[in-house]
Amino acid sequence: MAEKEQNHRHDKESLALKSAINFEKRGQLYTLLISGMVISGGAFMAFIGYAVAGIALLAAPLVGLAAQLISGHRRSRKNKEQEAG
C-alpha cells in the first residue's frame, strides 16, 4: 500500500516537473518571438530614416533581456547559497 502511494507521488512530481519545464520552454519561445519582432521593427525604422525610434525599439528589448538575465543569475546564486546552508 505504501509503495503504491510512493509511486503515485513520484508520478505526480514527475508530471509537475515536466509541466514546469514545458511552461518555461514556451515562455522562452514567446520571448524570442516578441523580441525578434521588436528588434526587426527597430531595424526597419532605423533603415527608413527614423533613427531615434529605431534605436529605441532596438534598445528596449535588449535592456529588458539583459535585466532578466542578471536577475535570474542573482536568483540562482541566492538559491544555491540557501541550499548550501
N, C-alpha and C. Protein backbone atom coordinates (compact mmCIF):
# COMPACT_ATOMS: atom_id res chain seq x y z
N MET A 1 0.83 -1.20 0.00
CA MET A 1 0.00 0.00 0.00
C MET A 1 0.87 1.26 0.00
N ALA A 2 1.85 1.29 0.90
CA ALA A 2 2.72 2.46 0.98
C ALA A 2 3.55 2.60 -0.30
N GLU A 3 3.91 1.48 -0.89
CA GLU A 3 4.70 1.52 -2.11
C GLU A 3 3.87 2.10 -3.27
N LYS A 4 2.59 1.77 -3.33
CA LYS A 4 1.71 2.32 -4.36
C LYS A 4 1.59 3.84 -4.19
N GLU A 5 1.43 4.27 -2.95
CA GLU A 5 1.31 5.70 -2.68
C GLU A 5 2.60 6.44 -3.06
N GLN A 6 3.74 5.82 -2.76
CA GLN A 6 5.01 6.43 -3.09
C GLN A 6 5.17 6.53 -4.62
N ASN A 7 4.82 5.46 -5.32
CA ASN A 7 4.89 5.50 -6.78
C ASN A 7 3.96 6.57 -7.36
N HIS A 8 2.78 6.68 -6.78
CA HIS A 8 1.83 7.69 -7.23
C HIS A 8 2.40 9.10 -7.00
N ARG A 9 3.00 9.31 -5.85
CA ARG A 9 3.59 10.61 -5.53
C ARG A 9 4.73 10.92 -6.49
N HIS A 10 5.56 9.93 -6.79
CA HIS A 10 6.66 10.14 -7.73
C HIS A 10 6.13 10.48 -9.12
N ASP A 11 5.07 9.81 -9.53
CA ASP A 11 4.47 10.09 -10.83
C ASP A 11 3.92 11.51 -10.89
N LYS A 12 3.26 11.94 -9.81
CA LYS A 12 2.72 13.30 -9.75
C LYS A 12 3.84 14.33 -9.79
N GLU A 13 4.91 14.09 -9.04
CA GLU A 13 6.03 15.03 -9.03
C GLU A 13 6.71 15.08 -10.39
N SER A 14 6.83 13.93 -11.04
CA SER A 14 7.43 13.89 -12.37
C SER A 14 6.58 14.67 -13.37
N LEU A 15 5.29 14.49 -13.31
CA LEU A 15 4.38 15.21 -14.19
C LEU A 15 4.44 16.72 -13.93
N ALA A 16 4.50 17.10 -12.66
CA ALA A 16 4.58 18.52 -12.32
C ALA A 16 5.89 19.12 -12.84
N LEU A 17 6.98 18.38 -12.73
CA LEU A 17 8.26 18.87 -13.22
C LEU A 17 8.25 19.01 -14.74
N LYS A 18 7.70 18.03 -15.45
CA LYS A 18 7.60 18.12 -16.90
C LYS A 18 6.74 19.31 -17.33
N SER A 19 5.66 19.55 -16.59
CA SER A 19 4.79 20.69 -16.91
C SER A 19 5.52 22.00 -16.70
N ALA A 20 6.29 22.10 -15.62
CA ALA A 20 7.04 23.32 -15.35
C ALA A 20 8.10 23.56 -16.43
N ILE A 21 8.75 22.50 -16.86
CA ILE A 21 9.76 22.63 -17.92
C ILE A 21 9.11 23.08 -19.22
N ASN A 22 7.98 22.49 -19.57
CA ASN A 22 7.27 22.90 -20.79
C ASN A 22 6.82 24.35 -20.72
N PHE A 23 6.37 24.78 -19.54
CA PHE A 23 5.94 26.16 -19.34
C PHE A 23 7.12 27.11 -19.56
N GLU A 24 8.28 26.76 -19.01
CA GLU A 24 9.48 27.59 -19.19
C GLU A 24 9.90 27.65 -20.65
N LYS A 25 9.86 26.52 -21.34
CA LYS A 25 10.23 26.49 -22.75
C LYS A 25 9.30 27.37 -23.57
N ARG A 26 8.01 27.28 -23.29
CA ARG A 26 7.03 28.08 -24.01
C ARG A 26 7.27 29.57 -23.77
N GLY A 27 7.56 29.93 -22.53
CA GLY A 27 7.85 31.33 -22.22
C GLY A 27 9.09 31.83 -22.93
N GLN A 28 10.12 30.99 -23.02
CA GLN A 28 11.33 31.39 -23.73
C GLN A 28 11.06 31.55 -25.22
N LEU A 29 10.24 30.68 -25.78
CA LEU A 29 9.91 30.79 -27.20
C LEU A 29 9.15 32.08 -27.47
N TYR A 30 8.16 32.37 -26.65
CA TYR A 30 7.39 33.61 -26.83
C TYR A 30 8.28 34.83 -26.68
N THR A 31 9.19 34.80 -25.72
CA THR A 31 10.12 35.91 -25.52
C THR A 31 10.99 36.10 -26.76
N LEU A 32 11.47 35.00 -27.31
CA LEU A 32 12.29 35.08 -28.51
C LEU A 32 11.51 35.69 -29.67
N LEU A 33 10.28 35.23 -29.87
CA LEU A 33 9.48 35.74 -30.98
C LEU A 33 9.16 37.22 -30.83
N ILE A 34 8.74 37.61 -29.64
CA ILE A 34 8.38 39.02 -29.42
C ILE A 34 9.61 39.91 -29.54
N SER A 35 10.71 39.50 -28.93
CA SER A 35 11.94 40.30 -29.01
C SER A 35 12.42 40.40 -30.45
N GLY A 36 12.35 39.30 -31.17
CA GLY A 36 12.77 39.33 -32.57
C GLY A 36 11.93 40.28 -33.40
N MET A 37 10.63 40.28 -33.16
CA MET A 37 9.75 41.19 -33.90
C MET A 37 10.05 42.65 -33.56
N VAL A 38 10.26 42.93 -32.29
CA VAL A 38 10.52 44.32 -31.89
C VAL A 38 11.88 44.77 -32.42
N ILE A 39 12.89 43.90 -32.34
CA ILE A 39 14.21 44.26 -32.85
C ILE A 39 14.15 44.46 -34.37
N SER A 40 13.43 43.58 -35.06
CA SER A 40 13.28 43.73 -36.51
C SER A 40 12.56 45.03 -36.85
N GLY A 41 11.54 45.36 -36.08
CA GLY A 41 10.84 46.63 -36.29
C GLY A 41 11.75 47.82 -36.06
N GLY A 42 12.60 47.73 -35.05
CA GLY A 42 13.54 48.82 -34.78
C GLY A 42 14.56 48.96 -35.90
N ALA A 43 15.04 47.84 -36.41
CA ALA A 43 15.99 47.90 -37.52
C ALA A 43 15.32 48.50 -38.76
N PHE A 44 14.09 48.11 -39.00
CA PHE A 44 13.35 48.65 -40.14
C PHE A 44 13.14 50.16 -39.97
N MET A 45 12.76 50.58 -38.78
CA MET A 45 12.55 52.01 -38.52
C MET A 45 13.85 52.79 -38.75
N ALA A 46 14.96 52.25 -38.27
CA ALA A 46 16.24 52.93 -38.49
C ALA A 46 16.60 52.96 -39.96
N PHE A 47 16.28 51.89 -40.67
CA PHE A 47 16.60 51.80 -42.10
C PHE A 47 15.82 52.82 -42.92
N ILE A 48 14.56 53.07 -42.56
CA ILE A 48 13.76 54.00 -43.36
C ILE A 48 13.93 55.46 -42.93
N GLY A 49 14.80 55.69 -41.95
CA GLY A 49 15.12 57.07 -41.62
C GLY A 49 14.65 57.55 -40.26
N TYR A 50 13.98 56.74 -39.50
CA TYR A 50 13.54 57.13 -38.16
C TYR A 50 14.53 56.57 -37.14
N ALA A 51 15.69 57.20 -37.07
CA ALA A 51 16.80 56.67 -36.28
C ALA A 51 16.47 56.61 -34.79
N VAL A 52 15.87 57.65 -34.26
CA VAL A 52 15.58 57.68 -32.82
C VAL A 52 14.59 56.58 -32.44
N ALA A 53 13.53 56.45 -33.21
CA ALA A 53 12.54 55.40 -32.94
C ALA A 53 13.17 54.03 -33.13
N GLY A 54 14.00 53.90 -34.14
CA GLY A 54 14.66 52.62 -34.39
C GLY A 54 15.59 52.22 -33.26
N ILE A 55 16.37 53.17 -32.79
CA ILE A 55 17.28 52.88 -31.67
C ILE A 55 16.50 52.54 -30.42
N ALA A 56 15.41 53.25 -30.18
CA ALA A 56 14.58 52.95 -29.00
C ALA A 56 14.00 51.54 -29.08
N LEU A 57 13.52 51.16 -30.27
CA LEU A 57 12.96 49.82 -30.42
C LEU A 57 14.04 48.74 -30.38
N LEU A 58 15.25 49.08 -30.79
CA LEU A 58 16.34 48.12 -30.70
C LEU A 58 16.83 47.96 -29.26
N ALA A 59 16.88 49.07 -28.53
CA ALA A 59 17.46 49.04 -27.18
C ALA A 59 16.51 48.47 -26.14
N ALA A 60 15.22 48.73 -26.27
CA ALA A 60 14.26 48.31 -25.24
C ALA A 60 14.28 46.81 -24.96
N PRO A 61 14.16 45.95 -25.96
CA PRO A 61 14.18 44.52 -25.64
C PRO A 61 15.55 44.04 -25.16
N LEU A 62 16.62 44.66 -25.66
CA LEU A 62 17.95 44.25 -25.23
C LEU A 62 18.17 44.58 -23.76
N VAL A 63 17.72 45.74 -23.34
CA VAL A 63 17.84 46.12 -21.93
C VAL A 63 16.99 45.20 -21.07
N GLY A 64 15.78 44.92 -21.52
CA GLY A 64 14.90 44.02 -20.77
C GLY A 64 15.47 42.62 -20.64
N LEU A 65 16.02 42.09 -21.72
CA LEU A 65 16.61 40.75 -21.68
C LEU A 65 17.84 40.72 -20.78
N ALA A 66 18.66 41.77 -20.86
CA ALA A 66 19.85 41.82 -20.00
C ALA A 66 19.44 41.88 -18.53
N ALA A 67 18.43 42.67 -18.22
CA ALA A 67 17.96 42.76 -16.83
C ALA A 67 17.43 41.42 -16.35
N GLN A 68 16.73 40.72 -17.21
CA GLN A 68 16.19 39.40 -16.85
C GLN A 68 17.30 38.40 -16.61
N LEU A 69 18.33 38.42 -17.44
CA LEU A 69 19.46 37.51 -17.26
C LEU A 69 20.20 37.79 -15.94
N ILE A 70 20.38 39.07 -15.65
CA ILE A 70 21.09 39.44 -14.42
C ILE A 70 20.28 39.03 -13.20
N SER A 71 18.98 39.30 -13.21
CA SER A 71 18.15 38.94 -12.05
C SER A 71 18.04 37.42 -11.91
N GLY A 72 17.99 36.71 -13.02
CA GLY A 72 17.96 35.25 -12.96
C GLY A 72 19.25 34.69 -12.39
N HIS A 73 20.38 35.28 -12.76
CA HIS A 73 21.67 34.83 -12.23
C HIS A 73 21.74 35.08 -10.72
N ARG A 74 21.29 36.25 -10.30
CA ARG A 74 21.30 36.56 -8.86
C ARG A 74 20.38 35.61 -8.09
N ARG A 75 19.21 35.32 -8.67
CA ARG A 75 18.25 34.44 -8.02
C ARG A 75 18.83 33.03 -7.88
N SER A 76 19.48 32.53 -8.92
CA SER A 76 20.04 31.18 -8.84
C SER A 76 21.19 31.13 -7.86
N ARG A 77 22.00 32.20 -7.78
CA ARG A 77 23.10 32.23 -6.82
C ARG A 77 22.54 32.27 -5.39
N LYS A 78 21.48 33.03 -5.19
CA LYS A 78 20.86 33.10 -3.86
C LYS A 78 20.29 31.74 -3.46
N ASN A 79 19.64 31.04 -4.40
CA ASN A 79 19.10 29.72 -4.11
C ASN A 79 20.20 28.73 -3.78
N LYS A 80 21.32 28.80 -4.48
CA LYS A 80 22.46 27.91 -4.19
C LYS A 80 23.01 28.17 -2.80
N GLU A 81 23.09 29.45 -2.42
CA GLU A 81 23.60 29.80 -1.10
C GLU A 81 22.65 29.30 0.00
N GLN A 82 21.34 29.38 -0.24
CA GLN A 82 20.39 28.90 0.74
C GLN A 82 20.44 27.39 0.87
N GLU A 83 20.64 26.68 -0.24
CA GLU A 83 20.74 25.22 -0.20
C GLU A 83 22.01 24.77 0.52
N ALA A 84 23.09 25.55 0.35
CA ALA A 84 24.36 25.18 0.97
C ALA A 84 24.31 25.39 2.49
N GLY A 85 23.45 26.23 2.93
CA GLY A 85 23.28 26.37 4.37
C GLY A 85 23.61 27.71 4.82
